[in-house]
Amino acid sequence: RTMKFAILASMLSAAAAFAPASQGAGKASVALNAEKSPAMPFLPYPENLKGYIGDDIGFDPLGFSDYFPMDYLRESEIKHGRICMLAVVGYIATDLGIIVHPYGSGLTSATAHDALLEK
């Protein structure tokens, strides 16, 4: 019974592939004529990025600007960038022998993660 259903579903999907186009094709052509993003030419230009920073190239491939305010996105990008900079400084400081925590004595950056998980 399951095999018959699978064969029927595959036949219907194959037939639907060759069916004539629906009347909604006009909307698709309008979407194709929309302004394209210079950063991602196969995507439309994100509406929320227009005029936000000046010469913006429209890089928002996942559409975060549709769900969050641009002020929040900009602030969180700066915050996460600063956290990454501190992480790099900590990684390098460990290799230089700077000990911040008593468990960190005698460890390198590569072995610190595994050693601290064991404790």
Foldseek 3Di string as FASTA:
>chain_A
DVVVVVVVVVVVVVVVVPDDDDPCVVVVVVLVVADAQQVDRVHHQQPLVPPPPPPDRRPDVPNVVVPDPPVVVVVVVVVVVVVVVVVVVVLVCLQVQDDDDPQSHPDHSVCVVVSVVVD
